[in-house]
Protein backbone atom coordinates (compact mmCIF):
# COMPACT_ATOMS: atom_id res chain seq x y z
CA MET A 1 82.57 16.34 -33.43
CA SER A 2 80.28 13.48 -32.29
CA LEU A 3 78.38 13.86 -35.48
CA ARG A 4 81.12 12.51 -37.43
CA TYR A 5 81.25 9.32 -35.29
CA ALA A 6 77.54 8.75 -35.95
CA ILE A 7 78.03 9.01 -39.58
CA LEU A 8 81.03 6.79 -39.48
CA GLY A 9 79.17 4.23 -37.63
CA LEU A 10 76.30 4.35 -40.16
CA LEU A 11 78.61 4.14 -43.04
CA SER A 12 80.46 1.21 -41.14
CA LYS A 13 77.42 -0.91 -41.93
CA GLU A 14 77.31 -0.28 -45.75
CA PRO A 15 78.24 2.60 -48.14
CA ALA A 16 75.47 5.13 -48.54
CA THR A 17 74.40 8.23 -50.20
CA GLY A 18 74.00 11.54 -47.94
CA TYR A 19 70.35 11.11 -48.42
CA SER A 20 70.54 7.56 -47.19
CA VAL A 21 72.47 8.70 -44.13
CA THR A 22 70.04 11.27 -43.32
CA ARG A 23 67.24 8.90 -43.72
CA GLU A 24 69.22 6.38 -41.35
CA PHE A 25 69.45 9.04 -38.73
CA LYS A 26 65.69 9.50 -38.87
CA TYR A 27 64.96 5.65 -38.95
CA ARG A 28 67.56 4.25 -36.66
CA ILE A 29 68.98 6.85 -34.16
CA THR A 30 66.50 9.54 -33.80
CA HIS A 31 65.82 8.30 -30.26
CA PHE A 32 69.41 9.52 -29.18
CA TRP A 33 70.69 11.55 -31.83
CA SER A 34 69.52 14.16 -34.43
CA ALA A 35 71.05 16.19 -37.25
CA HIS A 36 69.72 18.31 -40.03
CA HIS A 37 70.43 17.05 -43.62
CA THR A 38 72.55 20.31 -44.06
CA GLN A 39 74.64 19.27 -41.03
CA ILE A 40 75.17 15.79 -42.58
CA TYR A 41 76.20 16.76 -45.90
CA ARG A 42 78.57 19.53 -44.65
CA GLU A 43 80.21 16.80 -42.42
CA LEU A 44 80.53 14.25 -45.27
CA VAL A 45 82.39 16.90 -47.15
CA LYS A 46 84.80 17.69 -44.52
CA MET A 47 85.22 13.93 -43.76
CA GLU A 48 86.04 13.31 -47.38
CA ALA A 49 88.64 16.17 -47.36
CA GLU A 50 90.25 14.64 -44.35
CA GLY A 51 90.35 11.11 -45.86
CA LEU A 52 87.84 9.53 -43.39
CA VAL A 53 85.54 8.75 -46.19
CA ARG A 54 85.56 8.40 -49.89
CA SER A 55 82.76 9.02 -52.51
CA LYS A 56 82.12 7.45 -55.55
CA THR A 57 79.86 9.19 -58.06
CA ILE A 58 76.96 6.86 -59.67
CA ARG A 59 75.72 8.05 -63.03
CA GLN A 60 71.95 7.78 -63.48
CA SER A 61 70.12 8.20 -66.63
CA ASP A 62 66.53 8.94 -65.24
CA PHE A 63 67.69 10.71 -62.00
CA PRO A 64 70.51 13.13 -61.03
CA ASP A 65 73.87 11.40 -60.27
CA LYS A 66 74.52 10.29 -56.78
CA LYS A 67 77.56 10.22 -54.43
CA VAL A 68 77.94 6.97 -52.33
CA TYR A 69 80.09 7.38 -49.46
CA ALA A 70 82.26 4.57 -47.94
CA VAL A 71 84.37 4.48 -44.78
CA GLU A 72 88.09 4.65 -45.43
CA GLU A 73 90.73 2.65 -43.23
CA LYS A 74 91.58 6.09 -41.53
CA GLY A 75 87.95 6.70 -40.72
CA MET A 76 87.46 3.10 -39.38
CA THR A 77 90.57 3.74 -37.02
CA LEU A 78 89.34 7.18 -35.79
CA LEU A 79 85.93 5.63 -35.17
CA LEU A 80 87.37 2.49 -33.29
CA HIS A 81 89.65 4.73 -31.23
CA TRP A 82 86.82 6.94 -30.31
CA LEU A 83 84.63 4.02 -29.38
CA LEU A 84 87.34 2.48 -27.03
CA GLN A 85 88.05 5.70 -25.12
CA THR A 86 86.95 5.89 -21.60
CA PRO A 87 84.24 8.68 -21.34
CA GLU A 88 85.53 11.83 -19.82
CA LYS A 89 84.15 12.84 -16.58
CA LYS A 90 82.58 15.98 -18.12
CA GLU A 91 80.89 13.73 -20.76
CA THR A 92 79.24 11.95 -18.04
CA LEU A 93 78.12 14.94 -15.88
CA SER A 94 77.02 17.15 -18.86
CA MET A 95 73.52 17.84 -18.69
CA LYS A 96 71.72 20.67 -20.79
CA ASP A 97 67.86 20.14 -20.67
CA PRO A 98 65.53 23.23 -21.57
CA ARG A 99 62.66 21.16 -19.81
CA LEU A 100 64.48 20.91 -16.48
CA LEU A 101 65.37 24.73 -16.73
CA ARG A 102 61.62 25.37 -17.14
CA VAL A 103 60.96 22.94 -14.17
CA SER A 104 63.37 25.15 -12.04
CA LEU A 105 61.23 28.08 -12.76
CA LEU A 106 57.82 26.57 -11.89
CA HIS A 107 57.79 28.80 -8.78
CA LEU A 108 56.86 31.76 -11.06
CA ILE A 109 53.62 30.23 -12.32
CA ASP A 110 50.34 29.09 -10.71
CA ILE A 111 50.58 25.54 -9.13
CA ASP A 112 47.85 24.11 -11.29
CA GLN A 113 49.68 25.52 -14.42
CA SER A 114 52.78 23.70 -12.98
CA MET A 115 50.96 20.41 -12.76
CA ALA A 116 49.51 20.77 -16.18
CA TYR A 117 52.92 21.49 -17.67
CA LEU A 118 54.22 18.16 -15.86
CA ALA A 119 51.11 16.45 -17.16
CA SER A 120 51.83 17.34 -20.94
CA TYR A 121 55.62 16.06 -20.56
CA ARG A 122 54.34 12.81 -19.05
CA ASP A 123 52.02 12.35 -21.80
CA GLN A 124 54.74 13.21 -24.46
CA HIS A 125 57.04 10.65 -22.94
CA LYS A 126 54.40 7.92 -22.61
CA SER A 127 53.55 8.50 -26.40
CA ALA A 128 57.29 8.47 -27.48
CA GLN A 129 57.87 5.21 -25.32
CA LYS A 130 55.08 3.58 -27.21
CA GLU A 131 56.34 4.62 -30.51
CA ILE A 132 59.66 3.29 -29.82
CA LYS A 133 58.24 -0.17 -28.64
CA GLU A 134 56.29 -0.23 -31.77
CA TRP A 135 59.51 0.60 -33.86
CA GLN A 136 61.30 -2.35 -32.09
CA SER A 137 58.55 -4.75 -32.79
CA VAL A 138 58.63 -4.10 -36.48
CA HIS A 139 62.57 -3.77 -36.98
CA LEU A 140 64.03 -5.74 -34.27
CA GLU A 141 61.86 -8.79 -34.49
CA SER A 142 64.81 -11.17 -34.91
CA LEU A 143 67.82 -9.76 -33.56
CA ASN A 144 71.16 -9.98 -35.53
CA ASN A 145 74.79 -8.82 -34.70
CA GLU A 146 74.47 -5.56 -36.61
CA GLN A 147 71.13 -4.72 -34.68
CA PHE A 148 72.48 -5.31 -31.30
CA GLY A 149 73.45 -1.60 -30.79
CA GLU A 150 70.08 -0.50 -31.98
CA TYR A 151 68.30 -2.68 -29.54
CA LEU A 152 70.38 -1.42 -26.60
CA THR A 153 69.76 2.26 -27.53
CA SER A 154 66.13 1.96 -28.30
CA GLU A 155 65.72 0.00 -24.97
CA PHE A 156 67.70 2.98 -23.16
CA ALA A 157 65.22 5.37 -24.95
CA ILE A 158 62.19 3.42 -23.74
CA ARG A 159 63.55 3.24 -20.23
CA TYR A 160 64.56 7.01 -20.35
CA MET A 161 60.92 7.84 -21.40
CA GLU A 162 59.57 5.72 -18.64
CA MET A 163 61.79 7.38 -16.21
CA TRP A 164 60.56 10.84 -17.42
CA SER A 165 57.00 9.73 -17.05
CA ASP A 166 57.54 8.48 -13.56
CA TRP A 167 59.35 11.46 -12.63
CA CYS A 168 56.46 13.74 -13.83
CA GLU A 169 54.04 11.79 -11.82
CA TRP A 170 56.14 11.97 -8.80
CA ALA A 171 56.72 15.66 -9.17
CA THR A 172 52.89 16.19 -9.61
CA SER A 173 52.31 14.32 -6.36
CA VAL A 174 54.75 16.70 -4.58
CA LEU A 175 52.96 19.62 -5.92
CA LYS A 176 49.60 18.34 -4.94
CA GLU A 177 50.87 17.75 -1.45
CA TYR A 178 52.28 21.31 -1.22
CA LYS A 179 49.04 22.71 -2.60
CA LYS A 180 47.01 20.94 0.17
CA LYS A 181 49.32 22.45 2.76
CA GLY A 182 49.32 25.89 1.05
CA ASP A 183 53.04 25.96 1.02
CA LEU A 184 53.27 27.15 -2.76
CA ASN A 185 52.33 30.43 -4.21
CA GLU A 186 48.96 29.82 -5.76
CA THR A 187 48.25 33.46 -6.43
CA GLN A 188 50.67 33.95 -9.34
CA HIS A 189 49.25 33.30 -12.84
CA VAL A 190 50.96 33.86 -15.97
CA GLU A 191 49.20 33.17 -19.36
CA SER A 192 50.84 30.29 -21.35
CA ASP A 193 51.53 31.07 -25.10
CA GLY A 194 51.47 27.31 -25.75
CA SER A 195 55.16 26.61 -26.17
């Protein structure tokens, strides 16, 4: 359901084709939301049927015709209503993270494999943090009103990546301490398939 709010938010800035909306997902909000182009096109069709957006077909001579979508008043009302709602408690507490699920099962593998696993996540998050900072320096050089949300969310992503990196380093230090004491199972060894 949140996909439609993301689409309405992007279309509130300016009318766009389905292709452009997909590109904007990758360009502007990839650090906190993702959607496949088929999901976006399917949702645009539903939203048009519900009167939340309208489309206009633009005829082109050298290329296939394209549909440009714009937010209708009903869509803007729905978006603003959703935006102003107080988040539900379950929304705040909801967490579904396959990485943490794996971490909860680290007792099943060798301690050195566990530390290597954490190091790889630390490195991935540091790399992502660097990429987002580079994106900010290019796209948010002079902040304007429409970019304020992008600035806040990209800054959240940077801090989130930093938190993950710090947490991985902390967890690795805990494992090293336990390894010194011999408190963790070092005899179990499972071959990794790289995933």
